[in-house]
Amino acid sequence: MTVLLSVEGLCKTFAGLVANNAISFTVAEAEIVGLIGPNGAGKTTLFNCLAGYHRPTAGRVRFAGRDITGLPPETIARQGIARTFQIVRVFQTMTAIENVMVGALLHCRQPSSAAALAREWLDFTGLAYRAAQPASALTVSEQKRLEVARALALHPRLILLDEIMAGLTPIEVREASDLVRRIRDLGIAVIIVEHVMEGIMPIADRILVLDYGEKIADAPPARVVRDPAVLSAYLGA
């Protein structure tokens, strides 16, 4: 499989606190990689470094053959990496379609073109019937899907999903898992941070595990759930 993202020795420190330490991994085209670990393991910090919100203290990030280390978020978005957030960040007073148009306008010159693209992604994420409603009127599950639709409107080759299953009902978790599969079927690679194991384990090709900012496992799900280091990180020695 063709490597799309390559992370080499990535480190991020904050005033002496090591949030990410010498993390290396790759992601292939149209691969789903689960990113798991206890709270405070450094998962969201890693996302922030990949998406340009933090500049790595050390290490390199290469995407589609280009070095994107430390580039600003808008440049990385144009390169083809989109993301959602752990705490939902939608524009509450704007309608659902206007929220998605914000993403579409990265590439669309005309508002009419952006609106047409936004409608397509709202339909893809099951939110077409909510297009004219303000984001504040949507449920938590719908707001999470709205963020996904906005990210997809950026035309990404890789999407970073940060806990899109958190706080959802079992039925909504299954729907979210199905959505991730359908994103992969479009040829888009996915890295997904998740604590809902029943949602991520059946769909991930590989699971990357962080603990105290370090990578402790990188393997298929069936192997990760039997890894002694992973069990110790979650359950204690």
Protein backbone atom coordinates (compact mmCIF):
# COMPACT_ATOMS: atom_id res chain seq x y z
CA MET A 1 0.00 0.00 0.00
CA THR A 2 1.18 3.52 -0.83
CA VAL A 3 2.30 5.52 2.20
CA LEU A 4 0.35 8.77 2.47
CA LEU A 5 1.50 10.07 5.87
CA SER A 6 4.87 9.47 7.47
CA VAL A 7 5.66 10.64 11.00
CA GLU A 8 9.29 10.34 12.08
CA GLY A 9 10.45 10.86 15.66
CA LEU A 10 7.81 13.46 16.48
CA CYS A 11 8.24 15.19 19.84
CA LYS A 12 6.19 17.95 21.44
CA THR A 13 7.01 19.57 24.77
CA PHE A 14 5.27 22.31 26.72
CA ALA A 15 7.55 24.13 29.18
CA GLY A 16 9.42 20.93 29.90
CA LEU A 17 6.37 18.66 29.90
CA VAL A 18 6.77 15.96 27.25
CA ALA A 19 3.38 15.44 25.57
CA ASN A 20 4.69 13.41 22.58
CA ASN A 21 8.03 11.62 22.64
CA ALA A 22 9.76 10.20 19.55
CA ILE A 23 6.57 8.97 17.87
CA SER A 24 6.97 7.34 14.46
CA PHE A 25 4.33 5.68 12.28
CA THR A 26 2.89 5.68 8.77
CA VAL A 27 -0.60 5.75 7.30
CA ALA A 28 -1.37 4.31 3.87
CA GLU A 29 -3.87 5.52 1.31
CA ALA A 30 -7.46 4.62 2.33
CA GLU A 31 -6.34 3.05 5.62
CA ILE A 32 -8.22 3.38 8.91
CA VAL A 33 -5.86 3.78 11.86
CA GLY A 34 -7.28 3.87 15.37
CA LEU A 35 -5.42 6.03 17.88
CA ILE A 36 -6.11 4.99 21.46
CA GLY A 37 -4.61 5.43 24.91
CA PRO A 38 -5.52 6.53 28.43
CA ASN A 39 -6.55 10.11 29.12
CA GLY A 40 -3.52 12.40 28.90
CA ALA A 41 -1.59 9.99 26.67
CA GLY A 42 -0.93 12.69 24.05
CA LYS A 43 -3.46 11.74 21.39
CA THR A 44 -4.98 15.18 20.77
CA THR A 45 -1.54 16.80 20.96
CA LEU A 46 -0.42 14.47 18.18
CA PHE A 47 -3.47 15.50 16.12
CA ASN A 48 -2.64 19.16 16.74
CA CYS A 49 0.91 18.61 15.47
CA LEU A 50 -0.31 16.80 12.34
CA ALA A 51 -2.92 19.47 11.58
CA GLY A 52 -0.63 22.45 12.19
CA TYR A 53 -2.12 23.73 15.44
CA HIS A 54 1.14 22.94 17.25
CA ARG A 55 4.63 23.05 15.80
CA PRO A 56 6.53 19.86 16.74
CA THR A 57 9.52 20.38 19.01
CA ALA A 58 11.40 17.75 17.02
CA GLY A 59 10.79 15.21 14.29
CA ARG A 60 9.30 15.38 10.80
CA VAL A 61 5.85 15.00 9.27
CA ARG A 62 5.61 14.12 5.60
CA PHE A 63 2.35 13.99 3.67
CA ALA A 64 2.00 12.81 0.07
CA GLY A 65 5.77 13.06 -0.28
CA ARG A 66 6.01 16.64 1.04
CA ASP A 67 7.49 17.84 4.30
CA ILE A 68 4.66 19.65 6.12
CA THR A 69 6.32 19.91 9.52
CA GLY A 70 5.24 23.08 11.30
CA LEU A 71 3.14 24.47 8.46
CA PRO A 72 0.06 26.49 9.55
CA PRO A 73 -3.37 24.79 9.64
CA GLU A 74 -4.72 26.54 6.53
CA THR A 75 -1.72 25.38 4.47
CA ILE A 76 -2.00 21.82 5.74
CA ALA A 77 -5.73 21.86 4.97
CA ARG A 78 -4.94 22.86 1.40
CA GLN A 79 -2.43 20.00 1.21
CA GLY A 80 -5.29 17.56 1.97
CA ILE A 81 -5.54 16.99 5.74
CA ALA A 82 -8.82 17.81 7.50
CA ARG A 83 -9.89 17.30 11.10
CA THR A 84 -12.69 17.34 13.64
CA PHE A 85 -12.32 18.30 17.31
CA GLN A 86 -12.67 16.48 20.61
CA ILE A 87 -15.02 19.22 21.82
CA VAL A 88 -17.39 19.97 18.95
CA ARG A 89 -16.60 23.27 17.23
CA VAL A 90 -19.49 24.20 14.99
CA PHE A 91 -20.72 27.72 14.31
CA GLN A 92 -23.81 27.62 16.50
CA THR A 93 -25.70 30.57 14.96
CA MET A 94 -25.06 29.49 11.38
CA THR A 95 -27.17 26.92 9.58
CA ALA A 96 -25.90 23.42 8.92
CA ILE A 97 -25.33 24.16 5.26
CA GLU A 98 -23.48 27.39 6.09
CA ASN A 99 -21.20 25.45 8.44
CA VAL A 100 -20.25 23.03 5.68
CA MET A 101 -19.84 25.87 3.19
CA VAL A 102 -17.05 27.22 5.41
CA GLY A 103 -15.07 24.11 4.50
CA ALA A 104 -16.14 24.07 0.86
CA LEU A 105 -15.01 27.67 0.32
CA LEU A 106 -11.39 26.56 0.73
CA HIS A 107 -11.55 25.37 -2.86
CA CYS A 108 -14.81 26.79 -4.28
CA ARG A 109 -14.62 30.34 -5.65
CA GLN A 110 -18.37 30.94 -5.80
CA PRO A 111 -20.82 30.64 -2.87
CA SER A 112 -23.25 28.81 -5.13
CA SER A 113 -20.65 26.13 -5.85
CA ALA A 114 -19.81 25.88 -2.15
CA ALA A 115 -23.52 25.49 -1.31
CA ALA A 116 -23.94 22.70 -3.87
CA LEU A 117 -20.92 20.85 -2.47
CA ALA A 118 -22.15 21.39 1.08
CA ARG A 119 -25.50 19.80 0.21
CA GLU A 120 -23.69 16.73 -1.13
CA TRP A 121 -21.76 16.24 2.10
CA LEU A 122 -24.81 16.89 4.26
CA ASP A 123 -26.57 14.15 2.32
CA PHE A 124 -23.53 11.85 2.73
CA THR A 125 -23.54 12.34 6.51
CA GLY A 126 -27.33 12.00 6.83
CA LEU A 127 -27.98 15.65 7.61
CA ALA A 128 -29.66 16.86 4.43
CA TYR A 129 -32.96 17.33 6.28
CA ARG A 130 -31.18 19.65 8.74
CA ALA A 131 -29.58 21.90 6.11
CA ALA A 132 -31.55 25.05 6.91
CA GLN A 133 -31.52 24.62 10.70
CA PRO A 134 -29.04 26.44 12.96
CA ALA A 135 -26.26 24.22 14.29
CA SER A 136 -27.44 24.99 17.83
CA ALA A 137 -30.65 23.06 17.11
CA LEU A 138 -28.79 19.84 16.25
CA THR A 139 -28.21 17.02 18.72
CA VAL A 140 -24.68 16.18 19.87
CA SER A 141 -24.55 13.26 17.43
CA GLU A 142 -25.70 15.50 14.58
CA GLN A 143 -23.19 18.22 15.46
CA LYS A 144 -20.40 15.64 15.36
CA ARG A 145 -21.56 14.55 11.89
CA LEU A 146 -21.78 18.20 10.87
CA GLU A 147 -18.11 18.61 11.76
CA VAL A 148 -17.32 15.55 9.65
CA ALA A 149 -19.28 17.00 6.72
CA ARG A 150 -17.39 20.31 7.02
CA ALA A 151 -14.07 18.46 7.10
CA LEU A 152 -15.00 16.37 4.04
CA ALA A 153 -15.90 19.55 2.15
CA LEU A 154 -12.18 20.41 2.27
CA HIS A 155 -11.52 17.55 -0.22
CA PRO A 156 -9.11 15.76 2.14
CA ARG A 157 -6.96 12.75 1.38
CA LEU A 158 -6.61 12.19 5.14
CA ILE A 159 -9.16 13.05 7.82
CA LEU A 160 -8.38 13.19 11.54
CA LEU A 161 -11.44 12.30 13.63
CA ASP A 162 -11.20 13.17 17.32
CA GLU A 163 -13.65 11.13 19.43
CA ILE A 164 -16.66 11.33 17.11
CA MET A 165 -18.27 8.44 19.02
CA ALA A 166 -17.91 9.90 22.52
CA GLY A 167 -21.22 10.42 24.31
CA LEU A 168 -23.27 8.59 21.68
CA THR A 169 -25.84 5.84 22.17
CA PRO A 170 -25.00 2.30 20.97
CA ILE A 171 -27.11 2.84 17.83
CA GLU A 172 -25.35 6.16 17.13
CA VAL A 173 -21.97 4.47 17.64
CA ARG A 174 -22.85 1.90 14.97
CA GLU A 175 -23.94 4.70 12.64
CA ALA A 176 -20.67 6.55 13.27
CA SER A 177 -18.66 3.39 12.57
CA ASP A 178 -20.55 2.93 9.30
CA LEU A 179 -19.81 6.56 8.38
CA VAL A 180 -16.08 6.00 8.92
CA ARG A 181 -16.19 2.94 6.67
CA ARG A 182 -17.96 4.92 3.95
CA ILE A 183 -15.34 7.66 4.19
CA ARG A 184 -12.63 5.05 3.69
CA ASP A 185 -14.55 3.65 0.72
CA LEU A 186 -14.16 7.06 -0.93
CA GLY A 187 -10.39 6.50 -0.87
CA ILE A 188 -9.81 8.81 2.10
CA ALA A 189 -7.42 7.69 4.85
CA VAL A 190 -8.66 8.04 8.43
CA ILE A 191 -6.93 8.41 11.78
CA ILE A 192 -9.51 8.22 14.54
CA VAL A 193 -8.96 8.94 18.23
CA GLU A 194 -11.48 6.95 20.21
CA HIS A 195 -12.25 5.56 23.66
CA VAL A 196 -15.32 3.64 22.49
CA MET A 197 -13.62 0.32 21.79
CA GLU A 198 -16.72 -1.39 20.37
CA GLY A 199 -16.85 1.35 17.75
CA ILE A 200 -13.22 1.47 16.66
CA MET A 201 -11.95 -2.12 16.95
CA PRO A 202 -14.18 -3.64 14.23
CA ILE A 203 -13.35 -1.00 11.62
CA ALA A 204 -9.65 -0.19 12.13
CA ASP A 205 -6.97 -1.78 9.96
CA ARG A 206 -4.39 -0.95 12.64
CA ILE A 207 -4.41 0.41 16.17
CA LEU A 208 -1.77 2.86 17.37
CA VAL A 209 -1.52 3.06 21.17
CA LEU A 210 0.00 5.94 23.14
CA ASP A 211 0.82 6.01 26.84
CA TYR A 212 2.52 8.93 28.60
CA GLY A 213 3.25 10.45 25.19
CA GLU A 214 5.04 7.40 23.79
CA LYS A 215 3.97 4.79 21.26
CA ILE A 216 3.62 1.44 23.00
CA ALA A 217 1.88 -0.55 20.24
CA ASP A 218 1.14 -0.39 16.52
CA ALA A 219 -0.58 -3.50 15.22
CA PRO A 220 -3.89 -4.99 14.00
CA PRO A 221 -6.71 -4.78 16.58
CA ALA A 222 -6.66 -8.50 17.42
CA ARG A 223 -3.01 -8.29 18.42
CA VAL A 224 -3.31 -5.01 20.30
CA VAL A 225 -6.05 -6.27 22.64
CA ARG A 226 -3.69 -9.05 23.78
CA ASP A 227 -0.60 -6.83 24.14
CA PRO A 228 0.62 -6.88 27.78
CA ALA A 229 1.85 -3.25 27.55
CA VAL A 230 -1.56 -2.09 26.35
CA LEU A 231 -3.40 -4.04 29.03
CA SER A 232 -1.13 -2.57 31.69
CA ALA A 233 -1.67 0.98 30.39
CA TYR A 234 -5.45 0.60 30.60
CA LEU A 235 -5.90 -1.74 33.55
CA GLY A 236 -2.71 -1.36 35.59
CA ALA A 237 0.01 -3.90 36.25
